[in-house]
Amino acid sequence: PHWWWHRPRELPPAGPSGLVIFHDVAVLTEKLLPIVEGMQKLFSAGTG
């Protein structure tokens, strides 16, 4: 469970407006795996 906030460098006026974007974890995981596969072995307690 994570939230991410993105905003342009120029801060918009204060107010309630906003946009929620959902990301599919399966798609992100597929992109991530080649980059972080080596880290998983160093920084996790094991598969599963």
ModelCIF file with pLDDT and N, C-alpha, C, O atoms, coordinates in Angstrom:
data_MODEL
#
_entry.id   MODEL 
#
_entity.id                         1 
_entity.type                       polymer 
_entity.pdbx_number_of_molecules   1 
#
_entity_poly.entity_id                      1 
_entity_poly.type                           'polypeptide(L)' 
_entity_poly.nstd_linkage                   no 
_entity_poly.nstd_monomer                   no 
_entity_poly.pdbx_seq_one_letter_code       PHWWWHRPRELPPAGPSGLVIFHDVAVLTEKLLPIVEGMQKLFSAGTG 
_entity_poly.pdbx_seq_one_letter_code_can   PHWWWHRPRELPPAGPSGLVIFHDVAVLTEKLLPIVEGMQKLFSAGTG 
_entity_poly.pdbx_strand_id                 A 
#
loop_
_entity_poly_seq.entity_id 
_entity_poly_seq.num 
_entity_poly_seq.mon_id 
_entity_poly_seq.hetero 
1 1  PRO n 
1 2  HIS n 
1 3  TRP n 
1 4  TRP n 
1 5  TRP n 
1 6  HIS n 
1 7  ARG n 
1 8  PRO n 
1 9  ARG n 
1 10 GLU n 
1 11 LEU n 
1 12 PRO n 
1 13 PRO n 
1 14 ALA n 
1 15 GLY n 
1 16 PRO n 
1 17 SER n 
1 18 GLY n 
1 19 LEU n 
1 20 VAL n 
1 21 ILE n 
1 22 PHE n 
1 23 HIS n 
1 24 ASP n 
1 25 VAL n 
1 26 ALA n 
1 27 VAL n 
1 28 LEU n 
1 29 THR n 
1 30 GLU n 
1 31 LYS n 
1 32 LEU n 
1 33 LEU n 
1 34 PRO n 
1 35 ILE n 
1 36 VAL n 
1 37 GLU n 
1 38 GLY n 
1 39 MET n 
1 40 GLN n 
1 41 LYS n 
1 42 LEU n 
1 43 PHE n 
1 44 SER n 
1 45 ALA n 
1 46 GLY n 
1 47 THR n 
1 48 GLY n 
#
_struct_asym.id          A 
_struct_asym.entity_id   1 
#
loop_
_ma_qa_metric.id 
_ma_qa_metric.mode 
_ma_qa_metric.name 
_ma_qa_metric.software_group_id 
_ma_qa_metric.type 
1 global pLDDT . pLDDT 
2 local  pLDDT . pLDDT 
#
_ma_qa_metric_global.metric_id      1 
_ma_qa_metric_global.metric_value   70.46 
_ma_qa_metric_global.model_id       1 
_ma_qa_metric_global.ordinal_id     1 
#
loop_
_ma_qa_metric_local.label_asym_id 
_ma_qa_metric_local.label_comp_id 
_ma_qa_metric_local.label_seq_id 
_ma_qa_metric_local.metric_id 
_ma_qa_metric_local.metric_value 
_ma_qa_metric_local.model_id 
_ma_qa_metric_local.ordinal_id 
A PRO 1  2 50.00 1 1  
A HIS 2  2 56.00 1 2  
A TRP 3  2 58.00 1 3  
A TRP 4  2 60.00 1 4  
A TRP 5  2 62.00 1 5  
A HIS 6  2 61.00 1 6  
A ARG 7  2 57.00 1 7  
A PRO 8  2 53.00 1 8  
A ARG 9  2 51.00 1 9  
A GLU 10 2 51.00 1 10 
A LEU 11 2 49.00 1 11 
A PRO 12 2 50.00 1 12 
A PRO 13 2 53.00 1 13 
A ALA 14 2 51.00 1 14 
A GLY 15 2 54.00 1 15 
A PRO 16 2 54.00 1 16 
A SER 17 2 60.00 1 17 
A GLY 18 2 67.00 1 18 
A LEU 19 2 75.00 1 19 
A VAL 20 2 78.00 1 20 
A ILE 21 2 78.00 1 21 
A PHE 22 2 80.00 1 22 
A HIS 23 2 79.00 1 23 
A ASP 24 2 80.00 1 24 
A VAL 25 2 77.00 1 25 
A ALA 26 2 80.00 1 26 
A VAL 27 2 84.00 1 27 
A LEU 28 2 82.00 1 28 
A THR 29 2 81.00 1 29 
A GLU 30 2 86.00 1 30 
A LYS 31 2 87.00 1 31 
A LEU 32 2 87.00 1 32 
A LEU 33 2 86.00 1 33 
A PRO 34 2 88.00 1 34 
A ILE 35 2 87.00 1 35 
A VAL 36 2 87.00 1 36 
A GLU 37 2 86.00 1 37 
A GLY 38 2 85.00 1 38 
A MET 39 2 86.00 1 39 
A GLN 40 2 83.00 1 40 
A LYS 41 2 83.00 1 41 
A LEU 42 2 85.00 1 42 
A PHE 43 2 86.00 1 43 
A SER 44 2 75.00 1 44 
A ALA 45 2 65.00 1 45 
A GLY 46 2 57.00 1 46 
A THR 47 2 56.00 1 47 
A GLY 48 2 56.00 1 48 
#
loop_
_atom_site.group_PDB 
_atom_site.id 
_atom_site.type_symbol 
_atom_site.label_atom_id 
_atom_site.label_alt_id 
_atom_site.label_comp_id 
_atom_site.label_asym_id 
_atom_site.label_entity_id 
_atom_site.label_seq_id 
_atom_site.pdbx_PDB_ins_code 
_atom_site.Cartn_x 
_atom_site.Cartn_y 
_atom_site.Cartn_z 
_atom_site.occupancy 
_atom_site.B_iso_or_equiv 
_atom_site.pdbx_formal_charge 
_atom_site.auth_seq_id 
_atom_site.auth_comp_id 
_atom_site.auth_asym_id 
_atom_site.auth_atom_id 
_atom_site.pdbx_PDB_model_num 
ATOM 1   N N  . PRO A 1 1  ? 0.817  -1.209  0.000   1.00 50.00 ? 1  PRO A N  1 
ATOM 2   C CA . PRO A 1 1  ? 0.000  0.000   0.000   1.00 50.00 ? 1  PRO A CA 1 
ATOM 3   C C  . PRO A 1 1  ? 0.855  1.265   0.000   1.00 50.00 ? 1  PRO A C  1 
ATOM 4   O O  . PRO A 1 1  ? 1.532  1.574   0.981   1.00 50.00 ? 1  PRO A O  1 
ATOM 5   N N  . HIS A 1 2  ? 0.814  1.966   -1.081  1.00 56.00 ? 2  HIS A N  1 
ATOM 6   C CA . HIS A 1 2  ? 1.533  3.224   -1.212  1.00 56.00 ? 2  HIS A CA 1 
ATOM 7   C C  . HIS A 1 2  ? 0.614  4.259   -1.865  1.00 56.00 ? 2  HIS A C  1 
ATOM 8   O O  . HIS A 1 2  ? -0.252 3.922   -2.672  1.00 56.00 ? 2  HIS A O  1 
ATOM 9   N N  . TRP A 1 3  ? 0.817  5.479   -1.508  1.00 58.00 ? 3  TRP A N  1 
ATOM 10  C CA . TRP A 1 3  ? 0.306  6.608   -2.295  1.00 58.00 ? 3  TRP A CA 1 
ATOM 11  C C  . TRP A 1 3  ? 1.498  7.312   -2.920  1.00 58.00 ? 3  TRP A C  1 
ATOM 12  O O  . TRP A 1 3  ? 2.566  7.402   -2.314  1.00 58.00 ? 3  TRP A O  1 
ATOM 13  N N  . TRP A 1 4  ? 1.310  7.813   -4.137  1.00 60.00 ? 4  TRP A N  1 
ATOM 14  C CA . TRP A 1 4  ? 2.309  8.691   -4.754  1.00 60.00 ? 4  TRP A CA 1 
ATOM 15  C C  . TRP A 1 4  ? 1.621  9.993   -5.106  1.00 60.00 ? 4  TRP A C  1 
ATOM 16  O O  . TRP A 1 4  ? 0.478  9.995   -5.563  1.00 60.00 ? 4  TRP A O  1 
ATOM 17  N N  . TRP A 1 5  ? 2.311  11.095  -4.897  1.00 62.00 ? 5  TRP A N  1 
ATOM 18  C CA . TRP A 1 5  ? 1.823  12.394  -5.351  1.00 62.00 ? 5  TRP A CA 1 
ATOM 19  C C  . TRP A 1 5  ? 2.795  12.960  -6.366  1.00 62.00 ? 5  TRP A C  1 
ATOM 20  O O  . TRP A 1 5  ? 4.008  12.965  -6.158  1.00 62.00 ? 5  TRP A O  1 
ATOM 21  N N  . HIS A 1 6  ? 2.240  13.433  -7.466  1.00 61.00 ? 6  HIS A N  1 
ATOM 22  C CA . HIS A 1 6  ? 3.048  14.095  -8.489  1.00 61.00 ? 6  HIS A CA 1 
ATOM 23  C C  . HIS A 1 6  ? 2.450  15.459  -8.735  1.00 61.00 ? 6  HIS A C  1 
ATOM 24  O O  . HIS A 1 6  ? 1.230  15.608  -8.805  1.00 61.00 ? 6  HIS A O  1 
ATOM 25  N N  . ARG A 1 7  ? 3.303  16.449  -8.865  1.00 57.00 ? 7  ARG A N  1 
ATOM 26  C CA . ARG A 1 7  ? 2.818  17.786  -9.161  1.00 57.00 ? 7  ARG A CA 1 
ATOM 27  C C  . ARG A 1 7  ? 3.865  18.506  -9.978  1.00 57.00 ? 7  ARG A C  1 
ATOM 28  O O  . ARG A 1 7  ? 5.060  18.346  -9.733  1.00 57.00 ? 7  ARG A O  1 
ATOM 29  N N  . PRO A 1 8  ? 3.433  19.301  -10.952 1.00 53.00 ? 8  PRO A N  1 
ATOM 30  C CA . PRO A 1 8  ? 4.404  20.080  -11.720 1.00 53.00 ? 8  PRO A CA 1 
ATOM 31  C C  . PRO A 1 8  ? 5.213  20.992  -10.813 1.00 53.00 ? 8  PRO A C  1 
ATOM 32  O O  . PRO A 1 8  ? 4.821  21.257  -9.677  1.00 53.00 ? 8  PRO A O  1 
ATOM 33  N N  . ARG A 1 9  ? 6.355  21.477  -11.324 1.00 51.00 ? 9  ARG A N  1 
ATOM 34  C CA . ARG A 1 9  ? 7.218  22.342  -10.525 1.00 51.00 ? 9  ARG A CA 1 
ATOM 35  C C  . ARG A 1 9  ? 6.510  23.619  -10.100 1.00 51.00 ? 9  ARG A C  1 
ATOM 36  O O  . ARG A 1 9  ? 6.747  24.117  -8.999  1.00 51.00 ? 9  ARG A O  1 
ATOM 37  N N  . GLU A 1 10 ? 5.644  24.156  -10.954 1.00 51.00 ? 10 GLU A N  1 
ATOM 38  C CA . GLU A 1 10 ? 4.893  25.345  -10.588 1.00 51.00 ? 10 GLU A CA 1 
ATOM 39  C C  . GLU A 1 10 ? 3.700  24.921  -9.749  1.00 51.00 ? 10 GLU A C  1 
ATOM 40  O O  . GLU A 1 10 ? 2.830  24.200  -10.235 1.00 51.00 ? 10 GLU A O  1 
ATOM 41  N N  . LEU A 1 11 ? 3.645  25.357  -8.500  1.00 49.00 ? 11 LEU A N  1 
ATOM 42  C CA . LEU A 1 11 ? 2.568  24.951  -7.616  1.00 49.00 ? 11 LEU A CA 1 
ATOM 43  C C  . LEU A 1 11 ? 1.262  25.578  -8.065  1.00 49.00 ? 11 LEU A C  1 
ATOM 44  O O  . LEU A 1 11 ? 1.212  26.783  -8.312  1.00 49.00 ? 11 LEU A O  1 
ATOM 45  N N  . PRO A 1 12 ? 0.194  24.781  -8.178  1.00 50.00 ? 12 PRO A N  1 
ATOM 46  C CA . PRO A 1 12 ? -1.101 25.331  -8.559  1.00 50.00 ? 12 PRO A CA 1 
ATOM 47  C C  . PRO A 1 12 ? -1.738 26.055  -7.386  1.00 50.00 ? 12 PRO A C  1 
ATOM 48  O O  . PRO A 1 12 ? -1.294 25.906  -6.248  1.00 50.00 ? 12 PRO A O  1 
ATOM 49  N N  . PRO A 1 13 ? -2.767 26.830  -7.651  1.00 53.00 ? 13 PRO A N  1 
ATOM 50  C CA . PRO A 1 13 ? -3.471 27.475  -6.550  1.00 53.00 ? 13 PRO A CA 1 
ATOM 51  C C  . PRO A 1 13 ? -4.032 26.445  -5.598  1.00 53.00 ? 13 PRO A C  1 
ATOM 52  O O  . PRO A 1 13 ? -4.407 25.346  -6.008  1.00 53.00 ? 13 PRO A O  1 
ATOM 53  N N  . ALA A 1 14 ? -4.091 26.802  -4.315  1.00 51.00 ? 14 ALA A N  1 
ATOM 54  C CA . ALA A 1 14 ? -4.637 25.877  -3.330  1.00 51.00 ? 14 ALA A CA 1 
ATOM 55  C C  . ALA A 1 14 ? -6.099 25.601  -3.639  1.00 51.00 ? 14 ALA A C  1 
ATOM 56  O O  . ALA A 1 14 ? -6.835 26.503  -4.039  1.00 51.00 ? 14 ALA A O  1 
ATOM 57  N N  . GLY A 1 15 ? -6.511 24.378  -3.459  1.00 54.00 ? 15 GLY A N  1 
ATOM 58  C CA . GLY A 1 15 ? -7.895 24.017  -3.729  1.00 54.00 ? 15 GLY A CA 1 
ATOM 59  C C  . GLY A 1 15 ? -8.061 22.526  -3.754  1.00 54.00 ? 15 GLY A C  1 
ATOM 60  O O  . GLY A 1 15 ? -7.078 21.794  -3.647  1.00 54.00 ? 15 GLY A O  1 
ATOM 61  N N  . PRO A 1 16 ? -9.297 22.050  -3.894  1.00 54.00 ? 16 PRO A N  1 
ATOM 62  C CA . PRO A 1 16 ? -9.573 20.623  -3.793  1.00 54.00 ? 16 PRO A CA 1 
ATOM 63  C C  . PRO A 1 16 ? -9.358 19.850  -5.083  1.00 54.00 ? 16 PRO A C  1 
ATOM 64  O O  . PRO A 1 16 ? -9.481 18.625  -5.076  1.00 54.00 ? 16 PRO A O  1 
ATOM 65  N N  . SER A 1 17 ? -9.040 20.512  -6.194  1.00 60.00 ? 17 SER A N  1 
ATOM 66  C CA . SER A 1 17 ? -8.935 19.818  -7.473  1.00 60.00 ? 17 SER A CA 1 
ATOM 67  C C  . SER A 1 17 ? -7.778 18.826  -7.462  1.00 60.00 ? 17 SER A C  1 
ATOM 68  O O  . SER A 1 17 ? -6.748 19.054  -6.827  1.00 60.00 ? 17 SER A O  1 
ATOM 69  N N  . GLY A 1 18 ? -7.968 17.730  -8.173  1.00 67.00 ? 18 GLY A N  1 
ATOM 70  C CA . GLY A 1 18 ? -6.932 16.712  -8.246  1.00 67.00 ? 18 GLY A CA 1 
ATOM 71  C C  . GLY A 1 18 ? -7.356 15.602  -9.179  1.00 67.00 ? 18 GLY A C  1 
ATOM 72  O O  . GLY A 1 18 ? -8.499 15.555  -9.635  1.00 67.00 ? 18 GLY A O  1 
ATOM 73  N N  . LEU A 1 19 ? -6.429 14.714  -9.458  1.00 75.00 ? 19 LEU A N  1 
ATOM 74  C CA . LEU A 1 19 ? -6.670 13.606  -10.366 1.00 75.00 ? 19 LEU A CA 1 
ATOM 75  C C  . LEU A 1 19 ? -6.059 12.357  -9.767  1.00 75.00 ? 19 LEU A C  1 
ATOM 76  O O  . LEU A 1 19 ? -4.890 12.368  -9.381  1.00 75.00 ? 19 LEU A O  1 
ATOM 77  N N  . VAL A 1 20 ? -6.820 11.285  -9.682  1.00 78.00 ? 20 VAL A N  1 
ATOM 78  C CA . VAL A 1 20 ? -6.333 10.013  -9.168  1.00 78.00 ? 20 VAL A CA 1 
ATOM 79  C C  . VAL A 1 20 ? -6.066 9.081   -10.345 1.00 78.00 ? 20 VAL A C  1 
ATOM 80  O O  . VAL A 1 20 ? -6.932 8.875   -11.195 1.00 78.00 ? 20 VAL A O  1 
ATOM 81  N N  . ILE A 1 21 ? -4.858 8.519   -10.385 1.00 78.00 ? 21 ILE A N  1 
ATOM 82  C CA . ILE A 1 21 ? -4.461 7.604   -11.449 1.00 78.00 ? 21 ILE A CA 1 
ATOM 83  C C  . ILE A 1 21 ? -4.068 6.277   -10.815 1.00 78.00 ? 21 ILE A C  1 
ATOM 84  O O  . ILE A 1 21 ? -3.248 6.250   -9.897  1.00 78.00 ? 21 ILE A O  1 
ATOM 85  N N  . PHE A 1 22 ? -4.644 5.173   -11.294 1.00 80.00 ? 22 PHE A N  1 
ATOM 86  C CA . PHE A 1 22 ? -4.313 3.855   -10.782 1.00 80.00 ? 22 PHE A CA 1 
ATOM 87  C C  . PHE A 1 22 ? -3.297 3.187   -11.696 1.00 80.00 ? 22 PHE A C  1 
ATOM 88  O O  . PHE A 1 22 ? -3.373 3.299   -12.920 1.00 80.00 ? 22 PHE A O  1 
ATOM 89  N N  . HIS A 1 23 ? -2.328 2.477   -11.072 1.00 79.00 ? 23 HIS A N  1 
ATOM 90  C CA . HIS A 1 23 ? -1.301 1.751   -11.809 1.00 79.00 ? 23 HIS A CA 1 
ATOM 91  C C  . HIS A 1 23 ? -1.439 0.263   -11.528 1.00 79.00 ? 23 HIS A C  1 
ATOM 92  O O  . HIS A 1 23 ? -1.635 -0.141  -10.382 1.00 79.00 ? 23 HIS A O  1 
ATOM 93  N N  . ASP A 1 24 ? -1.338 -0.540  -12.557 1.00 80.00 ? 24 ASP A N  1 
ATOM 94  C CA . ASP A 1 24 ? -1.434 -1.989  -12.417 1.00 80.00 ? 24 ASP A CA 1 
ATOM 95  C C  . ASP A 1 24 ? -0.109 -2.534  -11.900 1.00 80.00 ? 24 ASP A C  1 
ATOM 96  O O  . ASP A 1 24 ? 0.926  -2.360  -12.544 1.00 80.00 ? 24 ASP A O  1 
ATOM 97  N N  . VAL A 1 25 ? -0.133 -3.191  -10.745 1.00 77.00 ? 25 VAL A N  1 
ATOM 98  C CA . VAL A 1 25 ? 1.089  -3.673  -10.124 1.00 77.00 ? 25 VAL A CA 1 
ATOM 99  C C  . VAL A 1 25 ? 1.800  -4.695  -11.007 1.00 77.00 ? 25 VAL A C  1 
ATOM 100 O O  . VAL A 1 25 ? 3.029  -4.773  -10.996 1.00 77.00 ? 25 VAL A O  1 
ATOM 101 N N  . ALA A 1 26 ? 1.035  -5.482  -11.775 1.00 80.00 ? 26 ALA A N  1 
ATOM 102 C CA . ALA A 1 26 ? 1.651  -6.494  -12.636 1.00 80.00 ? 26 ALA A CA 1 
ATOM 103 C C  . ALA A 1 26 ? 2.500  -5.847  -13.731 1.00 80.00 ? 26 ALA A C  1 
ATOM 104 O O  . ALA A 1 26 ? 3.578  -6.338  -14.065 1.00 80.00 ? 26 ALA A O  1 
ATOM 105 N N  . VAL A 1 27 ? 2.005  -4.752  -14.276 1.00 84.00 ? 27 VAL A N  1 
ATOM 106 C CA . VAL A 1 27 ? 2.754  -4.044  -15.326 1.00 84.00 ? 27 VAL A CA 1 
ATOM 107 C C  . VAL A 1 27 ? 4.030  -3.443  -14.750 1.00 84.00 ? 27 VAL A C  1 
ATOM 108 O O  . VAL A 1 27 ? 5.094  -3.554  -15.358 1.00 84.00 ? 27 VAL A O  1 
ATOM 109 N N  . LEU A 1 28 ? 3.934  -2.806  -13.581 1.00 82.00 ? 28 LEU A N  1 
ATOM 110 C CA . LEU A 1 28 ? 5.108  -2.203  -12.955 1.00 82.00 ? 28 LEU A CA 1 
ATOM 111 C C  . LEU A 1 28 ? 6.137  -3.265  -12.569 1.00 82.00 ? 28 LEU A C  1 
ATOM 112 O O  . LEU A 1 28 ? 7.340  -3.066  -12.741 1.00 82.00 ? 28 LEU A O  1 
ATOM 113 N N  . THR A 1 29 ? 5.660  -4.383  -12.051 1.00 81.00 ? 29 THR A N  1 
ATOM 114 C CA . THR A 1 29 ? 6.565  -5.452  -11.641 1.00 81.00 ? 29 THR A CA 1 
ATOM 115 C C  . THR A 1 29 ? 7.349  -5.990  -12.830 1.00 81.00 ? 29 THR A C  1 
ATOM 116 O O  . THR A 1 29 ? 8.536  -6.292  -12.711 1.00 81.00 ? 29 THR A O  1 
ATOM 117 N N  . GLU A 1 30 ? 6.690  -6.109  -13.964 1.00 86.00 ? 30 GLU A N  1 
ATOM 118 C CA . GLU A 1 30 ? 7.366  -6.600  -15.168 1.00 86.00 ? 30 GLU A CA 1 
ATOM 119 C C  . GLU A 1 30 ? 8.493  -5.667  -15.589 1.00 86.00 ? 30 GLU A C  1 
ATOM 120 O O  . GLU A 1 30 ? 9.548  -6.119  -16.033 1.00 86.00 ? 30 GLU A O  1 
ATOM 121 N N  . LYS A 1 31 ? 8.267  -4.365  -15.448 1.00 87.00 ? 31 LYS A N  1 
ATOM 122 C CA . LYS A 1 31 ? 9.309  -3.392  -15.791 1.00 87.00 ? 31 LYS A CA 1 
ATOM 123 C C  . LYS A 1 31 ? 10.436 -3.387  -14.768 1.00 87.00 ? 31 LYS A C  1 
ATOM 124 O O  . LYS A 1 31 ? 11.604 -3.198  -15.107 1.00 87.00 ? 31 LYS A O  1 
ATOM 125 N N  . LEU A 1 32 ? 10.061 -3.599  -13.507 1.00 87.00 ? 32 LEU A N  1 
ATOM 126 C CA . LEU A 1 32 ? 11.033 -3.503  -12.421 1.00 87.00 ? 32 LEU A CA 1 
ATOM 127 C C  . LEU A 1 32 ? 11.983 -4.686  -12.340 1.00 87.00 ? 32 LEU A C  1 
ATOM 128 O O  . LEU A 1 32 ? 13.166 -4.522  -12.043 1.00 87.00 ? 32 LEU A O  1 
ATOM 129 N N  . LEU A 1 33 ? 11.469 -5.865  -12.602 1.00 86.00 ? 33 LEU A N  1 
ATOM 130 C CA . LEU A 1 33 ? 12.212 -7.083  -12.302 1.00 86.00 ? 33 LEU A CA 1 
ATOM 131 C C  . LEU A 1 33 ? 13.632 -7.101  -12.860 1.00 86.00 ? 33 LEU A C  1 
ATOM 132 O O  . LEU A 1 33 ? 14.550 -7.466  -12.126 1.00 86.00 ? 33 LEU A O  1 
ATOM 133 N N  . PRO A 1 34 ? 13.862 -6.725  -14.124 1.00 88.00 ? 34 PRO A N  1 
ATOM 134 C CA . PRO A 1 34 ? 15.242 -6.764  -14.629 1.00 88.00 ? 34 PRO A CA 1 
ATOM 135 C C  . PRO A 1 34 ? 16.185 -5.799  -13.902 1.00 88.00 ? 34 PRO A C  1 
ATOM 136 O O  . PRO A 1 34 ? 17.394 -6.026  -13.855 1.00 88.00 ? 34 PRO A O  1 
ATOM 137 N N  . ILE A 1 35 ? 15.626 -4.722  -13.335 1.00 87.00 ? 35 ILE A N  1 
ATOM 138 C CA . ILE A 1 35 ? 16.447 -3.707  -12.681 1.00 87.00 ? 35 ILE A CA 1 
ATOM 139 C C  . ILE A 1 35 ? 16.803 -4.115  -11.251 1.00 87.00 ? 35 ILE A C  1 
ATOM 140 O O  . ILE A 1 35 ? 17.926 -3.897  -10.796 1.00 87.00 ? 35 ILE A O  1 
ATOM 141 N N  . VAL A 1 36 ? 15.842 -4.706  -10.553 1.00 87.00 ? 36 VAL A N  1 
ATOM 142 C CA . VAL A 1 36 ? 16.009 -4.919  -9.108  1.00 87.00 ? 36 VAL A CA 1 
ATOM 143 C C  . VAL A 1 36 ? 16.196 -6.384  -8.715  1.00 87.00 ? 36 VAL A C  1 
ATOM 144 O O  . VAL A 1 36 ? 16.264 -6.699  -7.527  1.00 87.00 ? 36 VAL A O  1 
ATOM 145 N N  . GLU A 1 37 ? 16.279 -7.267  -9.684  1.00 86.00 ? 37 GLU A N  1 
ATOM 146 C CA . GLU A 1 37 ? 16.378 -8.687  -9.361  1.00 86.00 ? 37 GLU A CA 1 
ATOM 147 C C  . GLU A 1 37 ? 17.559 -8.989  -8.446  1.00 86.00 ? 37 GLU A C  1 
ATOM 148 O O  . GLU A 1 37 ? 17.443 -9.783  -7.512  1.00 86.00 ? 37 GLU A O  1 
ATOM 149 N N  . GLY A 1 38 ? 18.710 -8.344  -8.722  1.00 85.00 ? 38 GLY A N  1 
ATOM 150 C CA . GLY A 1 38 ? 19.879 -8.558  -7.874  1.00 85.00 ? 38 GLY A CA 1 
ATOM 151 C C  . GLY A 1 38 ? 19.672 -8.052  -6.460  1.00 85.00 ? 38 GLY A C  1 
ATOM 152 O O  . GLY A 1 38 ? 20.159 -8.659  -5.506  1.00 85.00 ? 38 GLY A O  1 
ATOM 153 N N  . MET A 1 39 ? 18.949 -6.936  -6.313  1.00 86.00 ? 39 MET A N  1 
ATOM 154 C CA . MET A 1 39 ? 18.699 -6.372  -4.984  1.00 86.00 ? 39 MET A CA 1 
ATOM 155 C C  . MET A 1 39 ? 17.832 -7.284  -4.135  1.00 86.00 ? 39 MET A C  1 
ATOM 156 O O  . MET A 1 39 ? 18.011 -7.365  -2.919  1.00 86.00 ? 39 MET A O  1 
ATOM 157 N N  . GLN A 1 40 ? 16.897 -7.967  -4.771  1.00 83.00 ? 40 GLN A N  1 
ATOM 158 C CA . GLN A 1 40 ? 15.986 -8.824  -4.027  1.00 83.00 ? 40 GLN A CA 1 
ATOM 159 C C  . GLN A 1 40 ? 16.753 -9.866  -3.207  1.00 83.00 ? 40 GLN A C  1 
ATOM 160 O O  . GLN A 1 40 ? 16.335 -10.240 -2.111  1.00 83.00 ? 40 GLN A O  1 
ATOM 161 N N  . LYS A 1 41 ? 17.855 -10.317 -3.743  1.00 83.00 ? 41 LYS A N  1 
ATOM 162 C CA . LYS A 1 41 ? 18.650 -11.324 -3.048  1.00 83.00 ? 41 LYS A CA 1 
ATOM 163 C C  . LYS A 1 41 ? 19.389 -10.727 -1.852  1.00 83.00 ? 41 LYS A C  1 
ATOM 164 O O  . LYS A 1 41 ? 19.652 -11.416 -0.866  1.00 83.00 ? 41 LYS A O  1 
ATOM 165 N N  . LEU A 1 42 ? 19.721 -9.437  -1.949  1.00 85.00 ? 42 LEU A N  1 
ATOM 166 C CA . LEU A 1 42 ? 20.487 -8.780  -0.889  1.00 85.00 ? 42 LEU A CA 1 
ATOM 167 C C  . LEU A 1 42 ? 19.612 -8.181  0.204   1.00 85.00 ? 42 LEU A C  1 
ATOM 168 O O  . LEU A 1 42 ? 20.016 -8.124  1.366   1.00 85.00 ? 42 LEU A O  1 
ATOM 169 N N  . PHE A 1 43 ? 18.404 -7.732  -0.170  1.00 86.00 ? 43 PHE A N  1 
ATOM 170 C CA . PHE A 1 43 ? 17.598 -6.922  0.731   1.00 86.00 ? 43 PHE A CA 1 
ATOM 171 C C  . PHE A 1 43 ? 16.217 -7.510  1.020   1.00 86.00 ? 43 PHE A C  1 
ATOM 172 O O  . PHE A 1 43 ? 15.266 -6.766  1.261   1.00 86.00 ? 43 PHE A O  1 
ATOM 173 N N  . SER A 1 44 ? 16.103 -8.826  0.997   1.00 75.00 ? 44 SER A N  1 
ATOM 174 C CA . SER A 1 44 ? 14.881 -9.491  1.430   1.00 75.00 ? 44 SER A CA 1 
ATOM 175 C C  . SER A 1 44 ? 15.278 -10.776 2.143   1.00 75.00 ? 44 SER A C  1 
ATOM 176 O O  . SER A 1 44 ? 16.387 -11.279 1.967   1.00 75.00 ? 44 SER A O  1 
ATOM 177 N N  . ALA A 1 45 ? 14.364 -11.297 2.944   1.00 65.00 ? 45 ALA A N  1 
ATOM 178 C CA . ALA A 1 45 ? 14.680 -12.462 3.778   1.00 65.00 ? 45 ALA A CA 1 
ATOM 179 C C  . ALA A 1 45 ? 14.563 -13.782 3.026   1.00 65.00 ? 45 ALA A C  1 
ATOM 180 O O  . ALA A 1 45 ? 14.793 -14.850 3.595   1.00 65.00 ? 45 ALA A O  1 
ATOM 181 N N  . GLY A 1 46 ? 14.201 -13.706 1.737   1.00 57.00 ? 46 GLY A N  1 
ATOM 182 C CA . GLY A 1 46 ? 14.100 -14.931 0.946   1.00 57.00 ? 46 GLY A CA 1 
ATOM 183 C C  . GLY A 1 46 ? 12.831 -14.961 0.132   1.00 57.00 ? 46 GLY A C  1 
ATOM 184 O O  . GLY A 1 46 ? 11.900 -14.202 0.402   1.00 57.00 ? 46 GLY A O  1 
ATOM 185 N N  . THR A 1 47 ? 12.779 -15.829 -0.864  1.00 56.00 ? 47 THR A N  1 
ATOM 186 C CA . THR A 1 47 ? 11.622 -15.951 -1.749  1.00 56.00 ? 47 THR A CA 1 
ATOM 187 C C  . THR A 1 47 ? 10.362 -16.238 -0.949  1.00 56.00 ? 47 THR A C  1 
ATOM 188 O O  . THR A 1 47 ? 10.337 -17.107 -0.077  1.00 56.00 ? 47 THR A O  1 
ATOM 189 N N  . GLY A 1 48 ? 9.309  -15.478 -1.271  1.00 56.00 ? 48 GLY A N  1 
ATOM 190 C CA . GLY A 1 48 ? 8.032  -15.698 -0.613  1.00 56.00 ? 48 GLY A CA 1 
ATOM 191 C C  . GLY A 1 48 ? 7.820  -14.890 0.643   1.00 56.00 ? 48 GLY A C  1 
ATOM 192 O O  . GLY A 1 48 ? 6.771  -15.001 1.279   1.00 56.00 ? 48 GLY A O  1 
#
